[in-house]
Amino acid sequence: MEPKTIAERSAKLGFPAVAITDRNGLYGVMPFSDAAKAEGVQPIIGTLLAVARPSDIGPAGKTDWLALLAKDEAGYDNLCKLVRRRISTGRSMRTPMFRSRCWKA
């Protein structure tokens, strides 16, 4: 679905905000943000990062998708850093960049 279509539909349904999440990237962020703002809808920017599932919670080698949404400009900057890190490795889109154990406290 095109960003403009998402923004128009969101406004028609009365949504105050709508999010976009691209897999392992931020490819549609600018057109989406511009379209949402033009329709009076707050854009929420995010990404879906491929995360390797640890063997203790399922089949090893399985990929899960972690949704990350930016709360503010600092959050957006952090998303950009994660995506740049992923792109700089040259890995395929479905190859996990991160292990889920990295997210544990």
C-alpha atoms as a PDB file:
ATOM      1  CA  MET A   1       0.000   0.000   0.000  1.00  0.00           C
ATOM      2  CA  GLU A   2       1.291   3.432  -0.893  1.00  0.00           C
ATOM      3  CA  PRO A   3       2.096   5.884   1.940  1.00  0.00           C
ATOM      4  CA  LYS A   4      -0.402   8.418   0.585  1.00  0.00           C
ATOM      5  CA  THR A   5      -3.169   5.793   0.619  1.00  0.00           C
ATOM      6  CA  ILE A   6      -2.367   4.856   4.219  1.00  0.00           C
ATOM      7  CA  ALA A   7      -2.455   8.516   5.278  1.00  0.00           C
ATOM      8  CA  GLU A   8      -5.722   9.239   3.453  1.00  0.00           C
ATOM      9  CA  ARG A   9      -7.432   6.142   4.872  1.00  0.00           C
ATOM     10  CA  SER A  10      -6.192   6.915   8.390  1.00  0.00           C
ATOM     11  CA  ALA A  11      -7.585  10.454   8.191  1.00  0.00           C
ATOM     12  CA  LYS A  12     -10.907   9.185   6.815  1.00  0.00           C
ATOM     13  CA  LEU A  13     -11.193   6.736   9.732  1.00  0.00           C
ATOM     14  CA  GLY A  14     -10.356   9.498  12.228  1.00  0.00           C
ATOM     15  CA  PHE A  15      -7.055   8.036  13.416  1.00  0.00           C
ATOM     16  CA  PRO A  16      -4.968  10.636  15.252  1.00  0.00           C
ATOM     17  CA  ALA A  17      -1.752   8.773  14.354  1.00  0.00           C
ATOM     18  CA  VAL A  18      -0.545   5.904  12.177  1.00  0.00           C
ATOM     19  CA  ALA A  19       2.720   3.946  12.079  1.00  0.00           C
ATOM     20  CA  ILE A  20       4.921   2.579   9.322  1.00  0.00           C
ATOM     21  CA  THR A  21       7.440  -0.223   9.810  1.00  0.00           C
ATOM     22  CA  ASP A  22       9.701  -1.398   6.992  1.00  0.00           C
ATOM     23  CA  ARG A  23      11.620  -4.665   7.318  1.00  0.00           C
ATOM     24  CA  ASN A  24      15.228  -3.945   8.268  1.00  0.00           C
ATOM     25  CA  GLY A  25      15.032  -0.415   6.958  1.00  0.00           C
ATOM     26  CA  LEU A  26      13.371   2.978   6.885  1.00  0.00           C
ATOM     27  CA  TYR A  27      12.661   3.062   3.157  1.00  0.00           C
ATOM     28  CA  GLY A  28       9.213   4.660   3.107  1.00  0.00           C
ATOM     29  CA  VAL A  29       9.705   7.080   5.986  1.00  0.00           C
ATOM     30  CA  MET A  30       9.889  10.380   4.091  1.00  0.00           C
ATOM     31  CA  PRO A  31       6.935   9.890   1.711  1.00  0.00           C
ATOM     32  CA  PHE A  32       4.892   8.400   4.552  1.00  0.00           C
ATOM     33  CA  SER A  33       5.697  11.241   6.957  1.00  0.00           C
ATOM     34  CA  ASP A  34       4.906  13.907   4.342  1.00  0.00           C
ATOM     35  CA  ALA A  35       1.617  12.231   3.366  1.00  0.00           C
ATOM     36  CA  ALA A  36       0.504  11.743   6.979  1.00  0.00           C
ATOM     37  CA  LYS A  37       1.270  15.338   7.930  1.00  0.00           C
ATOM     38  CA  ALA A  38      -0.604  16.601   4.843  1.00  0.00           C
ATOM     39  CA  GLU A  39      -3.673  14.664   6.033  1.00  0.00           C
ATOM     40  CA  GLY A  40      -3.381  15.921   9.638  1.00  0.00           C
ATOM     41  CA  VAL A  41      -2.338  12.515  10.971  1.00  0.00           C
ATOM     42  CA  GLN A  42       0.700  12.115  13.222  1.00  0.00           C
ATOM     43  CA  PRO A  43       3.251   9.787  11.581  1.00  0.00           C
ATOM     44  CA  ILE A  44       4.894   7.174  13.804  1.00  0.00           C
ATOM     45  CA  ILE A  45       8.144   5.860  12.371  1.00  0.00           C
ATOM     46  CA  GLY A  46       9.454   2.361  12.979  1.00  0.00           C
ATOM     47  CA  THR A  47      11.250  -0.655  11.599  1.00  0.00           C
ATOM     48  CA  LEU A  48      11.004  -4.431  11.872  1.00  0.00           C
ATOM     49  CA  LEU A  49      14.422  -5.904  12.655  1.00  0.00           C
ATOM     50  CA  ALA A  50      15.273  -9.546  12.016  1.00  0.00           C
ATOM     51  CA  VAL A  51      16.311 -11.189  15.291  1.00  0.00           C
ATOM     52  CA  ALA A  52      17.743 -14.703  15.590  1.00  0.00           C
ATOM     53  CA  ARG A  53      15.698 -16.872  17.939  1.00  0.00           C
ATOM     54  CA  PRO A  54      17.765 -18.566  20.659  1.00  0.00           C
ATOM     55  CA  SER A  55      17.682 -22.363  20.676  1.00  0.00           C
ATOM     56  CA  ASP A  56      16.280 -22.498  24.226  1.00  0.00           C
ATOM     57  CA  ILE A  57      12.911 -21.030  23.128  1.00  0.00           C
ATOM     58  CA  GLY A  58      12.478 -22.650  19.726  1.00  0.00           C
ATOM     59  CA  PRO A  59      14.157 -24.061  16.655  1.00  0.00           C
ATOM     60  CA  ALA A  60      17.665 -22.660  16.221  1.00  0.00           C
ATOM     61  CA  GLY A  61      18.132 -20.588  13.105  1.00  0.00           C
ATOM     62  CA  LYS A  62      14.560 -19.297  13.127  1.00  0.00           C
ATOM     63  CA  THR A  63      14.076 -15.576  12.529  1.00  0.00           C
ATOM     64  CA  ASP A  64      11.651 -13.421  14.511  1.00  0.00           C
ATOM     65  CA  TRP A  65      10.729  -9.844  13.700  1.00  0.00           C
ATOM     66  CA  LEU A  66      11.075  -7.195  16.397  1.00  0.00           C
ATOM     67  CA  ALA A  67       8.983  -4.043  15.900  1.00  0.00           C
ATOM     68  CA  LEU A  68      10.719  -0.871  17.066  1.00  0.00           C
ATOM     69  CA  LEU A  69       8.927   2.496  17.019  1.00  0.00           C
ATOM     70  CA  ALA A  70      10.534   5.884  17.528  1.00  0.00           C
ATOM     71  CA  LYS A  71       9.083   7.889  20.414  1.00  0.00           C
ATOM     72  CA  ASP A  72      10.899  11.097  19.488  1.00  0.00           C
ATOM     73  CA  GLU A  73      13.851  12.454  17.499  1.00  0.00           C
ATOM     74  CA  ALA A  74      16.383  10.598  19.677  1.00  0.00           C
ATOM     75  CA  GLY A  75      14.457   7.377  19.063  1.00  0.00           C
ATOM     76  CA  TYR A  76      14.501   8.027  15.315  1.00  0.00           C
ATOM     77  CA  ASP A  77      18.262   8.613  15.472  1.00  0.00           C
ATOM     78  CA  ASN A  78      18.644   5.269  17.261  1.00  0.00           C
ATOM     79  CA  LEU A  79      16.573   3.505  14.600  1.00  0.00           C
ATOM     80  CA  CYS A  80      18.793   5.051  11.933  1.00  0.00           C
ATOM     81  CA  LYS A  81      21.907   3.757  13.713  1.00  0.00           C
ATOM     82  CA  LEU A  82      20.503   0.219  13.910  1.00  0.00           C
ATOM     83  CA  VAL A  83      19.480   0.247  10.252  1.00  0.00           C
ATOM     84  CA  ARG A  84      22.867   1.667   9.151  1.00  0.00           C
ATOM     85  CA  ARG A  85      24.581  -1.086  11.128  1.00  0.00           C
ATOM     86  CA  ARG A  86      22.475  -3.678   9.356  1.00  0.00           C
ATOM     87  CA  ILE A  87      23.035  -2.238   5.878  1.00  0.00           C
ATOM     88  CA  SER A  88      26.797  -1.872   6.396  1.00  0.00           C
ATOM     89  CA  THR A  89      27.131  -5.642   6.895  1.00  0.00           C
ATOM     90  CA  GLY A  90      25.733  -6.421   3.446  1.00  0.00           C
ATOM     91  CA  ARG A  91      23.548  -9.233   4.795  1.00  0.00           C
ATOM     92  CA  SER A  92      20.372 -10.328   3.044  1.00  0.00           C
ATOM     93  CA  MET A  93      17.077  -8.909   4.292  1.00  0.00           C
ATOM     94  CA  ARG A  94      16.048 -12.145   6.031  1.00  0.00           C
ATOM     95  CA  THR A  95      19.383 -12.865   7.688  1.00  0.00           C
ATOM     96  CA  PRO A  96      19.137 -11.882  11.366  1.00  0.00           C
ATOM     97  CA  MET A  97      21.467  -9.082  12.344  1.00  0.00           C
ATOM     98  CA  PHE A  98      20.795  -9.361  16.041  1.00  0.00           C
ATOM     99  CA  ARG A  99      20.510 -12.229  18.491  1.00  0.00           C
ATOM    100  CA  SER A 100      17.558 -12.051  20.860  1.00  0.00           C
ATOM    101  CA  ARG A 101      19.891 -12.520  23.831  1.00  0.00           C
ATOM    102  CA  CYS A 102      21.208  -9.025  23.080  1.00  0.00           C
ATOM    103  CA  TRP A 103      17.843  -7.658  24.229  1.00  0.00           C
ATOM    104  CA  LYS A 104      17.776  -9.389  27.615  1.00  0.00           C
ATOM    105  CA  ALA A 105      18.519  -7.334  30.712  1.00  0.00           C
END
